[in-house]
Amino acid sequence: MIFVGIDLGQHGGIAWIDDTLIPTSIGTHITLPELRPMPEDIKEKFEILQGIATTCHKGERQYEKCILTMEDIQIYTNQNINVEAYQSLYQEMGMFHAWGYILGMEIKKVHPRTWQNKMNCLPLQGKQKAKAMAGQNLEEAKGWDREYGSKGLALREAKKRFLGVNLIAPGGKVPHDGIIDALLIAEYSRREYQHVASIS
């Protein structure tokens, strides 16, 4: 199977991995993933998905299926909602859903906290976060958030699970948050739907 992870949005990403297991000197690992920052161009987004589907159904190896997993969009009533941003996200989700269906993919959605919990990158919230950050000045708090917030934890997990994988987008200088999240969503999908023992 091929597992596609999509982190929606302008700064999102697309990642895909397959179910091939290969032995290495430090144990058994899946083959290296393919990663892309989310393109701005709609046609380019479709072409990436089309290329994945072609690999799945017509490549040298005939895969059983291709599962596309997207992060479900969450709207919180206590936040100031940017209506245009949410409209754009829903439009993008609808496009990927339709394209995936047309290309013969199985479509899944996952709550952000569900995949973050499964991938060990669920950040502290509420009282737990307040307790951990107690007594820190502003700069210390910012550093703590970079290290232990959702993005810092996701980066750590991605580096641990995919040794040597380049998480920096072309032309970038730092790891790309959208690529990282998409990769971990794809790995969540593999663990959830492949029904094999997890790699830890």
Protein backbone atom coordinates (compact mmCIF):
# COMPACT_ATOMS: atom_id res chain seq x y z
CA MET A 1 0.00 0.00 0.00
CA ILE A 2 0.93 3.64 -0.44
CA PHE A 3 0.04 6.06 2.34
CA VAL A 4 -0.38 9.74 1.49
CA GLY A 5 -0.44 12.38 4.23
CA ILE A 6 -1.72 15.87 3.51
CA ASP A 7 -1.35 18.92 5.74
CA LEU A 8 -3.74 21.44 4.24
CA GLY A 9 -3.09 25.14 3.83
CA GLN A 10 -0.74 27.61 2.22
CA HIS A 11 2.13 26.38 4.37
CA GLY A 12 1.04 22.74 4.28
CA GLY A 13 2.67 19.76 2.66
CA ILE A 14 2.21 16.43 0.90
CA ALA A 15 4.08 13.26 1.87
CA TRP A 16 3.81 9.66 0.78
CA ILE A 17 5.38 6.42 1.92
CA ASP A 18 4.85 2.79 0.99
CA ASP A 19 4.61 -0.38 3.01
CA THR A 20 7.98 -1.79 1.98
CA LEU A 21 10.12 -2.84 4.93
CA ILE A 22 13.88 -2.97 4.45
CA PRO A 23 16.54 -4.24 6.89
CA THR A 24 19.23 -1.79 7.99
CA SER A 25 22.13 -1.89 10.43
CA ILE A 26 19.95 -0.35 13.16
CA GLY A 27 16.82 -2.42 12.60
CA THR A 28 13.93 -2.52 10.17
CA HIS A 29 12.68 0.72 8.66
CA ILE A 30 10.29 1.69 5.93
CA THR A 31 11.67 3.03 2.68
CA LEU A 32 12.39 6.74 2.48
CA PRO A 33 9.35 8.98 2.00
CA GLU A 34 8.64 11.45 -0.78
CA LEU A 35 7.98 14.99 0.44
CA ARG A 36 6.63 18.16 -1.14
CA PRO A 37 5.67 21.55 0.25
CA MET A 38 2.08 22.40 -0.68
CA PRO A 39 2.14 24.04 -4.13
CA GLU A 40 0.19 27.25 -4.69
CA ASP A 41 -0.87 26.17 -8.17
CA ILE A 42 -4.01 23.98 -8.26
CA LYS A 43 -2.84 22.09 -11.35
CA GLU A 44 0.45 21.24 -9.65
CA LYS A 45 -1.40 19.88 -6.60
CA PHE A 46 -3.44 17.59 -8.84
CA GLU A 47 -0.38 16.46 -10.80
CA ILE A 48 1.39 15.41 -7.61
CA LEU A 49 -1.61 13.33 -6.55
CA GLN A 50 -1.98 11.94 -10.07
CA GLY A 51 1.68 10.90 -10.04
CA ILE A 52 1.21 9.06 -6.75
CA ALA A 53 -1.88 7.26 -8.10
CA THR A 54 -0.02 6.27 -11.26
CA THR A 55 2.81 4.81 -9.15
CA CYS A 56 0.24 2.92 -7.09
CA HIS A 57 -1.80 1.45 -9.94
CA LYS A 58 0.54 1.35 -12.95
CA GLY A 59 4.08 1.36 -11.55
CA GLU A 60 6.62 -1.46 -11.57
CA ARG A 61 5.06 -2.75 -8.38
CA GLN A 62 1.29 -3.13 -8.20
CA TYR A 63 0.20 -1.83 -4.81
CA GLU A 64 -2.92 -3.18 -3.15
CA LYS A 65 -4.34 0.30 -2.56
CA CYS A 66 -3.50 3.92 -1.90
CA ILE A 67 -4.81 5.60 1.26
CA LEU A 68 -4.97 9.39 1.39
CA THR A 69 -5.25 10.86 4.89
CA MET A 70 -5.94 14.52 5.55
CA GLU A 71 -5.97 16.45 8.79
CA ASP A 72 -9.59 17.31 9.56
CA ILE A 73 -10.29 21.03 9.82
CA GLN A 74 -11.15 22.20 13.32
CA ILE A 75 -13.01 25.39 14.16
CA TYR A 76 -12.83 26.51 17.78
CA THR A 77 -15.53 28.90 18.98
CA ASN A 78 -13.16 30.66 21.38
CA GLN A 79 -10.86 31.77 18.55
CA ASN A 80 -11.12 34.78 16.25
CA ILE A 81 -12.11 33.00 13.05
CA ASN A 82 -10.64 34.13 9.74
CA VAL A 83 -13.56 33.20 7.49
CA GLU A 84 -11.59 33.49 4.24
CA ALA A 85 -8.83 31.23 5.57
CA TYR A 86 -11.32 28.56 6.62
CA GLN A 87 -13.15 28.81 3.28
CA SER A 88 -9.84 28.27 1.50
CA LEU A 89 -9.01 25.24 3.68
CA TYR A 90 -12.42 23.66 3.08
CA GLN A 91 -12.10 24.29 -0.65
CA GLU A 92 -8.68 22.65 -0.69
CA MET A 93 -9.94 19.68 1.35
CA GLY A 94 -12.83 19.26 -1.08
CA MET A 95 -10.47 19.29 -4.06
CA PHE A 96 -8.15 16.67 -2.60
CA HIS A 97 -11.13 14.55 -1.57
CA ALA A 98 -12.59 14.67 -5.10
CA TRP A 99 -9.24 14.10 -6.79
CA GLY A 100 -8.39 11.20 -4.52
CA TYR A 101 -11.76 9.58 -5.19
CA ILE A 102 -11.41 10.00 -8.96
CA LEU A 103 -7.88 8.56 -8.83
CA GLY A 104 -9.04 5.47 -6.94
CA MET A 105 -7.66 6.36 -3.52
CA GLU A 106 -9.26 5.53 -0.19
CA ILE A 107 -9.94 8.78 1.70
CA LYS A 108 -9.47 9.20 5.45
CA LYS A 109 -9.67 12.21 7.78
CA VAL A 110 -7.98 12.46 11.16
CA HIS A 111 -8.36 14.92 14.04
CA PRO A 112 -5.07 16.77 14.70
CA ARG A 113 -4.87 15.59 18.31
CA THR A 114 -5.47 11.98 17.24
CA TRP A 115 -2.45 11.71 14.96
CA GLN A 116 -0.33 13.89 17.27
CA ASN A 117 -1.08 11.57 20.17
CA LYS A 118 -0.29 8.46 18.12
CA MET A 119 2.97 10.01 16.89
CA ASN A 120 4.05 11.20 20.36
CA CYS A 121 3.93 14.89 19.49
CA LEU A 122 0.81 16.03 21.32
CA PRO A 123 1.75 19.29 23.09
CA LEU A 124 0.86 20.10 26.66
CA GLN A 125 -2.36 22.06 27.08
CA GLY A 126 -4.00 24.24 29.71
CA LYS A 127 -2.88 23.63 33.30
CA GLN A 128 -0.16 21.16 32.28
CA LYS A 129 1.43 23.76 29.99
CA ALA A 130 1.08 26.52 32.59
CA LYS A 131 2.78 24.34 35.20
CA ALA A 132 5.66 23.45 32.87
CA MET A 133 6.23 27.11 31.94
CA ALA A 134 5.82 28.55 35.46
CA GLY A 135 8.49 31.09 36.40
CA GLN A 136 9.87 31.50 32.87
CA ASN A 137 10.45 34.90 31.34
CA LEU A 138 9.18 35.74 27.85
CA GLU A 139 12.30 34.56 26.00
CA GLU A 140 12.44 31.32 27.99
CA ALA A 141 8.75 30.76 27.28
CA LYS A 142 9.30 31.25 23.54
CA GLY A 143 12.20 28.79 23.62
CA TRP A 144 10.13 26.28 25.55
CA ASP A 145 7.30 26.57 23.02
CA ARG A 146 9.68 26.06 20.09
CA GLU A 147 11.03 22.93 21.76
CA TYR A 148 7.89 21.46 23.31
CA GLY A 149 5.05 23.03 21.31
CA SER A 150 3.38 21.01 18.55
CA LYS A 151 5.90 22.05 15.87
CA GLY A 152 8.97 21.30 17.99
CA LEU A 153 7.68 17.91 19.07
CA ALA A 154 6.66 17.02 15.50
CA LEU A 155 10.13 17.90 14.21
CA ARG A 156 11.76 15.74 16.87
CA GLU A 157 9.53 12.76 16.05
CA ALA A 158 10.04 13.10 12.29
CA LYS A 159 13.82 13.16 12.71
CA LYS A 160 13.69 10.13 15.01
CA ARG A 161 11.41 8.05 12.81
CA PHE A 162 12.91 8.98 9.45
CA LEU A 163 16.65 9.17 9.95
CA GLY A 164 18.47 11.23 7.35
CA VAL A 165 15.34 12.51 5.59
CA ASN A 166 15.61 16.10 4.36
CA LEU A 167 12.77 18.05 5.95
CA ILE A 168 13.78 21.39 4.40
CA ALA A 169 11.78 22.52 1.37
CA PRO A 170 13.67 23.51 -1.81
CA GLY A 171 15.10 26.99 -1.32
CA GLY A 172 14.41 26.91 2.42
CA LYS A 173 16.83 27.06 5.34
CA VAL A 174 14.85 25.48 8.16
CA PRO A 175 12.63 22.38 8.41
CA HIS A 176 9.24 22.93 6.76
CA ASP A 177 6.34 22.54 9.23
CA GLY A 178 3.86 21.46 6.55
CA ILE A 179 6.16 18.73 5.22
CA ILE A 180 6.80 17.47 8.75
CA ASP A 181 3.10 17.28 9.62
CA ALA A 182 2.23 15.63 6.29
CA LEU A 183 4.96 13.03 6.86
CA LEU A 184 3.72 12.20 10.33
CA ILE A 185 0.12 12.01 9.08
CA ALA A 186 1.26 9.54 6.41
CA GLU A 187 3.10 7.49 9.04
CA TYR A 188 0.05 7.62 11.31
CA SER A 189 -2.00 6.27 8.40
CA ARG A 190 0.49 3.47 7.78
CA ARG A 191 0.39 2.40 11.41
CA GLU A 192 -3.38 2.72 11.64
CA TYR A 193 -4.42 1.02 8.42
CA GLN A 194 -1.63 -1.37 7.45
CA HIS A 195 -2.38 -3.70 10.39
CA VAL A 196 1.23 -4.60 11.01
CA ALA A 197 3.43 -4.26 14.10
CA SER A 198 4.54 -0.67 14.65
CA ILE A 199 8.11 0.39 14.20
CA SER A 200 9.34 2.15 17.32
